[in-house]
């Protein structure tokens, strides 16, 4: 049989475990006392310093986010304005094309009619000289008399 080369002594191992656990307990009690003393004497200053540093970091973060948002809003506004200009231009071109097509295709013998004016056009008409308005009235009167003459015949 082989003999064990290790000399195990159960009593000494148990005593060492008990001594080690007691040392851990005493070390944790010492840490608690040191922490309590530190909190009472120096922690207030440390806490104030942490608050100050946190405030600086927070203001930098808010400033950074605000700058990024402002840049994003500026970019979005410029894209919106460009899109609006493009849509207005496209719609105006389509309307002009439709009007010119209708003028070419519709027979001249159909009675003329006026389309409702947009608010900008109404303002422009309000600002036109009275001679232009008078000419429009004369043309309308002539058309009415022309229609009356065709009804009689």
N, C-alpha and C. Protein backbone atom coordinates (compact mmCIF):
# COMPACT_ATOMS: atom_id res chain seq x y z
N UNK A 1 0.80 -1.17 0.00
CA UNK A 1 0.00 0.00 0.00
C UNK A 1 0.85 1.24 0.00
N UNK A 2 0.24 2.25 -0.64
CA UNK A 2 0.93 3.52 -0.70
C UNK A 2 0.64 4.33 0.54
N UNK A 3 1.66 4.94 0.98
CA UNK A 3 1.46 5.79 2.14
C UNK A 3 1.19 7.21 1.66
N UNK A 4 0.35 7.89 2.35
CA UNK A 4 0.04 9.28 2.01
C UNK A 4 1.23 10.14 2.39
N UNK A 5 1.63 11.01 1.44
CA UNK A 5 2.76 11.88 1.71
C UNK A 5 2.32 13.12 2.45
N UNK A 6 1.04 13.38 2.41
CA UNK A 6 0.52 14.56 3.11
C UNK A 6 0.19 14.20 4.54
N UNK A 7 0.57 15.07 5.39
CA UNK A 7 0.28 14.83 6.79
C UNK A 7 -0.90 15.71 7.17
N UNK A 8 -2.09 15.19 7.11
CA UNK A 8 -3.29 15.93 7.41
C UNK A 8 -3.59 15.84 8.89
N UNK A 9 -3.83 17.02 9.43
CA UNK A 9 -4.20 17.06 10.83
C UNK A 9 -5.51 17.83 10.94
N UNK A 10 -6.60 17.14 11.10
CA UNK A 10 -7.91 17.77 11.09
C UNK A 10 -8.07 18.86 12.13
N UNK A 11 -7.50 18.74 13.26
CA UNK A 11 -7.68 19.76 14.29
C UNK A 11 -7.05 21.09 13.88
N UNK A 12 -5.90 21.05 13.28
CA UNK A 12 -5.24 22.29 12.89
C UNK A 12 -5.98 22.98 11.75
N UNK A 13 -6.56 22.23 10.78
CA UNK A 13 -7.32 22.83 9.69
C UNK A 13 -8.57 23.52 10.21
N UNK A 14 -9.24 22.93 11.13
CA UNK A 14 -10.44 23.54 11.70
C UNK A 14 -10.11 24.81 12.45
N UNK A 15 -9.02 24.77 13.21
CA UNK A 15 -8.61 25.97 13.94
C UNK A 15 -8.23 27.09 12.98
N UNK A 16 -7.54 26.75 11.88
CA UNK A 16 -7.13 27.76 10.89
C UNK A 16 -8.36 28.40 10.22
N UNK A 17 -9.37 27.58 9.95
CA UNK A 17 -10.60 28.11 9.33
C UNK A 17 -11.31 29.05 10.28
N UNK A 18 -11.34 28.68 11.55
CA UNK A 18 -12.01 29.53 12.54
C UNK A 18 -11.23 30.83 12.70
N UNK A 19 -9.92 30.76 12.74
CA UNK A 19 -9.09 31.96 12.88
C UNK A 19 -9.27 32.86 11.66
N UNK A 20 -9.30 32.28 10.46
CA UNK A 20 -9.45 33.06 9.23
C UNK A 20 -10.82 33.76 9.19
N UNK A 21 -11.85 33.04 9.58
CA UNK A 21 -13.18 33.67 9.57
C UNK A 21 -13.26 34.79 10.60
N UNK A 22 -12.62 34.61 11.73
CA UNK A 22 -12.61 35.67 12.74
C UNK A 22 -11.86 36.89 12.23
N UNK A 23 -10.75 36.64 11.53
CA UNK A 23 -9.99 37.76 10.97
C UNK A 23 -10.82 38.53 9.92
N UNK A 24 -11.59 37.82 9.10
CA UNK A 24 -12.46 38.47 8.11
C UNK A 24 -13.51 39.32 8.83
N UNK A 25 -14.07 38.78 9.90
CA UNK A 25 -15.08 39.52 10.65
C UNK A 25 -14.48 40.79 11.24
N UNK A 26 -13.31 40.69 11.83
CA UNK A 26 -12.66 41.85 12.42
C UNK A 26 -12.28 42.88 11.33
N UNK A 27 -11.85 42.41 10.17
CA UNK A 27 -11.49 43.32 9.08
C UNK A 27 -12.73 44.07 8.58
N UNK A 28 -13.87 43.39 8.48
CA UNK A 28 -15.09 44.07 8.03
C UNK A 28 -15.57 45.08 9.06
N UNK A 29 -15.42 44.76 10.37
CA UNK A 29 -15.77 45.73 11.40
C UNK A 29 -14.86 46.96 11.32
N UNK A 30 -13.58 46.72 11.08
CA UNK A 30 -12.63 47.83 10.94
C UNK A 30 -12.97 48.68 9.73
N UNK A 31 -13.37 48.06 8.61
CA UNK A 31 -13.76 48.80 7.41
C UNK A 31 -15.00 49.64 7.67
N UNK A 32 -15.93 49.11 8.43
CA UNK A 32 -17.14 49.86 8.75
C UNK A 32 -16.81 51.08 9.59
N UNK A 33 -15.91 50.94 10.55
CA UNK A 33 -15.53 52.06 11.41
C UNK A 33 -14.79 53.12 10.60
N UNK A 34 -13.86 52.69 9.75
CA UNK A 34 -13.12 53.65 8.92
C UNK A 34 -14.08 54.38 7.98
N UNK A 35 -15.02 53.66 7.39
CA UNK A 35 -16.01 54.29 6.50
C UNK A 35 -16.85 55.30 7.26
N UNK A 36 -17.28 54.94 8.49
CA UNK A 36 -18.08 55.87 9.29
C UNK A 36 -17.28 57.13 9.60
N UNK A 37 -16.04 56.97 9.98
CA UNK A 37 -15.20 58.14 10.27
C UNK A 37 -15.00 59.00 9.02
N UNK A 38 -14.79 58.36 7.89
CA UNK A 38 -14.59 59.08 6.63
C UNK A 38 -15.85 59.85 6.24
N UNK A 39 -17.01 59.21 6.41
CA UNK A 39 -18.28 59.87 6.07
C UNK A 39 -18.48 61.08 6.96
N UNK A 40 -18.17 60.96 8.23
CA UNK A 40 -18.37 62.08 9.15
C UNK A 40 -17.40 63.23 8.89
N UNK A 41 -16.19 62.94 8.45
CA UNK A 41 -15.21 64.00 8.31
C UNK A 41 -15.02 64.49 6.87
N UNK A 42 -14.84 63.62 5.91
CA UNK A 42 -14.46 64.02 4.56
C UNK A 42 -15.52 63.79 3.50
N UNK A 43 -16.52 63.02 3.75
CA UNK A 43 -17.48 62.65 2.71
C UNK A 43 -18.29 63.84 2.22
N UNK A 44 -18.58 64.80 3.10
CA UNK A 44 -19.36 65.97 2.68
C UNK A 44 -18.65 66.74 1.59
N UNK A 45 -17.34 66.97 1.77
CA UNK A 45 -16.57 67.68 0.74
C UNK A 45 -16.51 66.87 -0.55
N UNK A 46 -16.32 65.55 -0.41
CA UNK A 46 -16.26 64.69 -1.59
C UNK A 46 -17.60 64.68 -2.32
N UNK A 47 -18.68 64.63 -1.54
CA UNK A 47 -20.01 64.63 -2.14
C UNK A 47 -20.26 65.93 -2.90
N UNK A 48 -19.86 67.05 -2.31
CA UNK A 48 -20.01 68.35 -2.98
C UNK A 48 -19.18 68.41 -4.25
N UNK A 49 -17.98 67.85 -4.22
CA UNK A 49 -17.13 67.83 -5.41
C UNK A 49 -17.76 66.97 -6.51
N UNK A 50 -18.34 65.84 -6.12
CA UNK A 50 -19.02 64.98 -7.10
C UNK A 50 -20.22 65.70 -7.72
N UNK A 51 -20.97 66.42 -6.92
CA UNK A 51 -22.11 67.18 -7.43
C UNK A 51 -21.64 68.24 -8.42
N UNK A 52 -20.56 68.93 -8.09
CA UNK A 52 -20.02 69.96 -8.97
C UNK A 52 -19.59 69.36 -10.31
N UNK A 53 -18.87 68.25 -10.27
CA UNK A 53 -18.43 67.59 -11.50
C UNK A 53 -19.63 67.09 -12.31
N UNK A 54 -20.62 66.54 -11.62
CA UNK A 54 -21.82 66.07 -12.31
C UNK A 54 -22.57 67.21 -13.00
N UNK A 55 -22.62 68.37 -12.36
CA UNK A 55 -23.28 69.53 -12.95
C UNK A 55 -22.55 69.99 -14.21
N UNK A 56 -21.24 69.98 -14.18
CA UNK A 56 -20.45 70.38 -15.35
C UNK A 56 -20.70 69.42 -16.51
N UNK A 57 -20.66 68.12 -16.22
CA UNK A 57 -20.88 67.12 -17.26
C UNK A 57 -22.29 67.23 -17.82
N UNK A 58 -23.27 67.44 -16.94
CA UNK A 58 -24.66 67.56 -17.39
C UNK A 58 -24.84 68.77 -18.30
N UNK A 59 -24.26 69.91 -17.93
CA UNK A 59 -24.42 71.11 -18.76
C UNK A 59 -23.75 70.92 -20.11
N UNK A 60 -22.61 70.25 -20.15
CA UNK A 60 -21.96 69.96 -21.43
C UNK A 60 -22.82 69.05 -22.29
N UNK A 61 -23.42 68.04 -21.67
CA UNK A 61 -24.28 67.11 -22.42
C UNK A 61 -25.51 67.83 -22.96
N UNK A 62 -26.13 68.68 -22.14
CA UNK A 62 -27.31 69.42 -22.59
C UNK A 62 -26.95 70.37 -23.73
N UNK A 63 -25.81 71.04 -23.61
CA UNK A 63 -25.37 71.95 -24.67
C UNK A 63 -25.11 71.18 -25.96
N UNK A 64 -24.47 70.02 -25.85
CA UNK A 64 -24.18 69.20 -27.04
C UNK A 64 -25.47 68.74 -27.71
N UNK A 65 -26.39 68.22 -26.89
CA UNK A 65 -27.66 67.74 -27.45
C UNK A 65 -28.44 68.91 -28.05
N UNK A 66 -28.44 70.06 -27.38
CA UNK A 66 -29.14 71.24 -27.91
C UNK A 66 -28.56 71.68 -29.24
N UNK A 67 -27.23 71.69 -29.36
CA UNK A 67 -26.61 72.05 -30.63
C UNK A 67 -26.98 71.07 -31.73
N UNK A 68 -26.99 69.81 -31.39
CA UNK A 68 -27.34 68.79 -32.39
C UNK A 68 -28.80 68.95 -32.82
N UNK A 69 -29.68 69.23 -31.86
CA UNK A 69 -31.09 69.43 -32.20
C UNK A 69 -31.27 70.67 -33.07
N UNK A 70 -30.56 71.75 -32.72
CA UNK A 70 -30.67 72.98 -33.50
C UNK A 70 -30.19 72.74 -34.93
N UNK A 71 -29.10 72.02 -35.08
CA UNK A 71 -28.59 71.70 -36.41
C UNK A 71 -29.61 70.85 -37.17
N UNK A 72 -30.20 69.90 -36.48
CA UNK A 72 -31.20 69.04 -37.13
C UNK A 72 -32.42 69.83 -37.55
N UNK A 73 -32.89 70.74 -36.68
CA UNK A 73 -34.05 71.57 -37.03
C UNK A 73 -33.73 72.47 -38.21
N UNK A 74 -32.54 73.04 -38.24
CA UNK A 74 -32.15 73.91 -39.35
C UNK A 74 -32.13 73.11 -40.66
N UNK A 75 -31.56 71.93 -40.61
CA UNK A 75 -31.52 71.09 -41.81
C UNK A 75 -32.92 70.70 -42.25
N UNK A 76 -33.77 70.34 -41.29
CA UNK A 76 -35.15 69.96 -41.63
C UNK A 76 -35.91 71.14 -42.23
N UNK A 77 -35.73 72.34 -41.67
CA UNK A 77 -36.40 73.52 -42.21
C UNK A 77 -35.95 73.83 -43.62
N UNK A 78 -34.65 73.73 -43.89
CA UNK A 78 -34.17 74.02 -45.24
C UNK A 78 -34.68 72.98 -46.23
N UNK A 79 -34.72 71.72 -45.82
CA UNK A 79 -35.27 70.68 -46.70
C UNK A 79 -36.76 70.94 -46.95
N UNK A 80 -37.49 71.33 -45.90
CA UNK A 80 -38.92 71.62 -46.04
C UNK A 80 -39.14 72.78 -47.01
N UNK A 81 -38.37 73.85 -46.87
CA UNK A 81 -38.53 75.01 -47.75
C UNK A 81 -38.23 74.64 -49.20
N UNK A 82 -37.17 73.89 -49.41
CA UNK A 82 -36.82 73.46 -50.77
C UNK A 82 -37.91 72.57 -51.36
N UNK A 83 -38.44 71.66 -50.55
CA UNK A 83 -39.52 70.78 -51.01
C UNK A 83 -40.76 71.59 -51.36
N UNK A 84 -41.07 72.56 -50.54
CA UNK A 84 -42.24 73.39 -50.80
C UNK A 84 -42.08 74.17 -52.10
N UNK A 85 -40.88 74.77 -52.29
CA UNK A 85 -40.63 75.49 -53.54
C UNK A 85 -40.75 74.57 -54.75
N UNK A 86 -40.23 73.37 -54.62
CA UNK A 86 -40.29 72.41 -55.73
C UNK A 86 -41.73 72.03 -56.04
N UNK A 87 -42.50 71.75 -54.98
CA UNK A 87 -43.90 71.37 -55.20
C UNK A 87 -44.68 72.52 -55.82
N UNK A 88 -44.49 73.73 -55.31
CA UNK A 88 -45.20 74.88 -55.87
C UNK A 88 -44.83 75.08 -57.34
N UNK A 89 -43.57 74.95 -57.65
CA UNK A 89 -43.11 75.11 -59.03
C UNK A 89 -43.71 74.03 -59.93
N UNK A 90 -43.71 72.80 -59.46
CA UNK A 90 -44.24 71.69 -60.25
C UNK A 90 -45.74 71.86 -60.48
N UNK A 91 -46.46 72.24 -59.44
CA UNK A 91 -47.90 72.43 -59.57
C UNK A 91 -48.19 73.58 -60.53
N UNK A 92 -47.43 74.66 -60.44
CA UNK A 92 -47.63 75.80 -61.34
C UNK A 92 -47.37 75.39 -62.78
N UNK A 93 -46.32 74.62 -63.02
CA UNK A 93 -46.02 74.16 -64.37
C UNK A 93 -47.14 73.27 -64.89
N UNK A 94 -47.64 72.37 -64.04
CA UNK A 94 -48.72 71.47 -64.46
C UNK A 94 -49.99 72.27 -64.76
N UNK A 95 -50.30 73.26 -63.94
CA UNK A 95 -51.49 74.07 -64.16
C UNK A 95 -51.35 74.88 -65.44
N UNK A 96 -50.18 75.47 -65.66
CA UNK A 96 -49.96 76.22 -66.90
C UNK A 96 -50.08 75.32 -68.12
N UNK A 97 -49.54 74.10 -68.03
CA UNK A 97 -49.64 73.16 -69.15
C UNK A 97 -51.10 72.78 -69.40
N UNK A 98 -51.87 72.56 -68.33
CA UNK A 98 -53.28 72.19 -68.49
C UNK A 98 -54.07 73.34 -69.11
N UNK A 99 -53.79 74.57 -68.69
CA UNK A 99 -54.49 75.73 -69.25
C UNK A 99 -54.15 75.90 -70.72
N UNK A 100 -52.88 75.78 -71.06
CA UNK A 100 -52.51 75.95 -72.48
C UNK A 100 -53.08 74.82 -73.32
N UNK A 101 -53.12 73.61 -72.78
CA UNK A 101 -53.72 72.50 -73.51
C UNK A 101 -55.21 72.74 -73.73
N UNK A 102 -55.89 73.19 -72.68
CA UNK A 102 -57.33 73.46 -72.80
C UNK A 102 -57.58 74.59 -73.80
N UNK A 103 -56.72 75.59 -73.82
CA UNK A 103 -56.90 76.70 -74.76
C UNK A 103 -56.70 76.23 -76.19
N UNK A 104 -55.82 75.29 -76.41
CA UNK A 104 -55.57 74.79 -77.76
C UNK A 104 -56.66 73.83 -78.20
N UNK A 105 -57.16 73.01 -77.31
CA UNK A 105 -58.09 71.95 -77.68
C UNK A 105 -59.53 72.43 -77.73
N UNK A 106 -59.96 73.22 -76.78
CA UNK A 106 -61.36 73.65 -76.73
C UNK A 106 -61.66 74.58 -77.90
N UNK A 107 -62.83 74.44 -78.49
CA UNK A 107 -63.19 75.33 -79.61
C UNK A 107 -63.37 76.77 -79.12
N UNK A 108 -63.10 77.68 -79.98
CA UNK A 108 -63.20 79.10 -79.65
C UNK A 108 -64.66 79.55 -79.50
N UNK A 109 -65.58 78.78 -80.04
CA UNK A 109 -66.97 79.18 -80.00
C UNK A 109 -67.62 78.98 -78.63
N UNK A 110 -66.98 78.23 -77.73
CA UNK A 110 -67.55 78.05 -76.41
C UNK A 110 -67.51 79.37 -75.65
N UNK A 111 -68.49 79.60 -74.79
CA UNK A 111 -68.48 80.85 -74.03
C UNK A 111 -67.30 80.89 -73.06
N UNK A 112 -66.77 82.05 -72.87
CA UNK A 112 -65.65 82.22 -71.94
C UNK A 112 -66.18 82.25 -70.51
N UNK A 113 -65.42 81.75 -69.62
CA UNK A 113 -65.77 81.80 -68.20
C UNK A 113 -64.51 82.09 -67.42
N UNK A 114 -64.75 82.64 -66.24
CA UNK A 114 -63.62 82.99 -65.39
C UNK A 114 -63.45 81.94 -64.30
N UNK A 115 -62.22 81.61 -64.05
CA UNK A 115 -61.91 80.67 -62.98
C UNK A 115 -61.84 81.44 -61.67
N UNK A 116 -62.17 80.81 -60.56
CA UNK A 116 -62.02 81.50 -59.28
C UNK A 116 -60.54 81.83 -59.05
N UNK A 117 -60.32 82.99 -58.50
CA UNK A 117 -58.95 83.45 -58.30
C UNK A 117 -58.45 83.05 -56.92
N UNK A 118 -57.17 82.80 -56.87
CA UNK A 118 -56.51 82.52 -55.59
C UNK A 118 -56.44 83.82 -54.79
N UNK A 119 -56.25 83.76 -53.48
CA UNK A 119 -56.19 84.99 -52.66
C UNK A 119 -55.12 85.96 -53.15
N UNK A 120 -53.98 85.47 -53.62
CA UNK A 120 -52.94 86.37 -54.11
C UNK A 120 -53.42 87.09 -55.37
N UNK A 121 -54.10 86.37 -56.24
CA UNK A 121 -54.59 86.98 -57.47
C UNK A 121 -55.68 88.00 -57.16
N UNK A 122 -56.51 87.72 -56.15
CA UNK A 122 -57.54 88.68 -55.77
C UNK A 122 -56.92 89.98 -55.28
N UNK A 123 -55.86 89.84 -54.48
CA UNK A 123 -55.18 91.04 -54.00
C UNK A 123 -54.56 91.80 -55.17
N UNK A 124 -54.02 91.08 -56.12
CA UNK A 124 -53.42 91.73 -57.28
C UNK A 124 -54.49 92.45 -58.09
N UNK A 125 -55.67 91.82 -58.21
CA UNK A 125 -56.76 92.46 -58.94
C UNK A 125 -57.25 93.70 -58.19
N UNK A 126 -57.24 93.64 -56.88
CA UNK A 126 -57.69 94.79 -56.09
C UNK A 126 -56.73 95.96 -56.25
N UNK A 127 -55.47 95.67 -56.51
CA UNK A 127 -54.47 96.71 -56.66
C UNK A 127 -54.33 97.22 -58.09
N UNK A 128 -55.06 96.63 -59.05
CA UNK A 128 -54.95 97.08 -60.44
C UNK A 128 -55.64 98.41 -60.61
N UNK A 129 -55.22 99.20 -61.59
CA UNK A 129 -55.86 100.51 -61.81
C UNK A 129 -57.32 100.34 -62.24
N UNK A 130 -58.08 101.39 -62.05
CA UNK A 130 -59.51 101.33 -62.33
C UNK A 130 -59.78 101.18 -63.82
N UNK A 131 -58.87 101.64 -64.67
CA UNK A 131 -59.08 101.51 -66.11
C UNK A 131 -59.20 100.04 -66.51
N UNK A 132 -58.38 99.21 -65.91
CA UNK A 132 -58.42 97.78 -66.23
C UNK A 132 -59.76 97.20 -65.80
N UNK A 133 -60.23 97.57 -64.62
CA UNK A 133 -61.53 97.08 -64.17
C UNK A 133 -62.63 97.58 -65.09
N UNK A 134 -62.50 98.81 -65.54
CA UNK A 134 -63.52 99.38 -66.43
C UNK A 134 -63.54 98.62 -67.75
N UNK A 135 -62.34 98.27 -68.27
CA UNK A 135 -62.27 97.52 -69.53
C UNK A 135 -62.94 96.15 -69.36
N UNK A 136 -62.74 95.52 -68.21
CA UNK A 136 -63.35 94.22 -67.96
C UNK A 136 -64.87 94.36 -67.96
N UNK A 137 -65.37 95.42 -67.34
CA UNK A 137 -66.82 95.64 -67.31
C UNK A 137 -67.36 95.84 -68.72
N UNK A 138 -66.63 96.59 -69.54
CA UNK A 138 -67.08 96.86 -70.91
C UNK A 138 -67.11 95.56 -71.71
N UNK A 139 -66.08 94.72 -71.54
CA UNK A 139 -66.02 93.45 -72.27
C UNK A 139 -67.17 92.57 -71.84
N UNK A 140 -67.48 92.52 -70.55
CA UNK A 140 -68.58 91.69 -70.07
C UNK A 140 -69.91 92.20 -70.63
N UNK A 141 -70.07 93.52 -70.68
CA UNK A 141 -71.31 94.09 -71.21
C UNK A 141 -71.46 93.75 -72.68
N UNK A 142 -70.35 93.81 -73.41
CA UNK A 142 -70.40 93.48 -74.84
C UNK A 142 -70.78 92.02 -75.03
N UNK A 143 -70.27 91.15 -74.21
CA UNK A 143 -70.61 89.74 -74.32
C UNK A 143 -72.09 89.52 -74.05
N UNK A 144 -72.63 90.24 -73.05
CA UNK A 144 -74.05 90.10 -72.74
C UNK A 144 -74.91 90.57 -73.90
N UNK A 145 -74.55 91.68 -74.48
CA UNK A 145 -75.35 92.19 -75.61
C UNK A 145 -75.23 91.27 -76.81
N UNK A 146 -74.04 90.65 -76.98
CA UNK A 146 -73.86 89.69 -78.09
C UNK A 146 -74.74 88.48 -77.89
N UNK A 147 -74.87 88.03 -76.67
CA UNK A 147 -75.71 86.87 -76.39
C UNK A 147 -77.19 87.22 -76.61
N UNK A 148 -77.56 88.40 -76.20
CA UNK A 148 -78.95 88.82 -76.37
C UNK A 148 -79.30 88.89 -77.84
N UNK A 149 -78.36 89.35 -78.65
CA UNK A 149 -78.60 89.45 -80.10
C UNK A 149 -78.72 88.08 -80.72
N UNK A 150 -77.96 87.11 -80.26
CA UNK A 150 -78.05 85.77 -80.83
C UNK A 150 -79.33 85.10 -80.40
N UNK A 151 -79.89 85.43 -79.23
CA UNK A 151 -81.15 84.85 -78.79
C UNK A 151 -82.30 85.39 -79.64
N UNK A 152 -82.24 86.65 -80.02
CA UNK A 152 -83.32 87.24 -80.81
C UNK A 152 -83.37 86.65 -82.22
N UNK A 153 -82.21 86.35 -82.72
CA UNK A 153 -82.16 85.90 -84.12
C UNK A 153 -82.57 84.48 -84.27
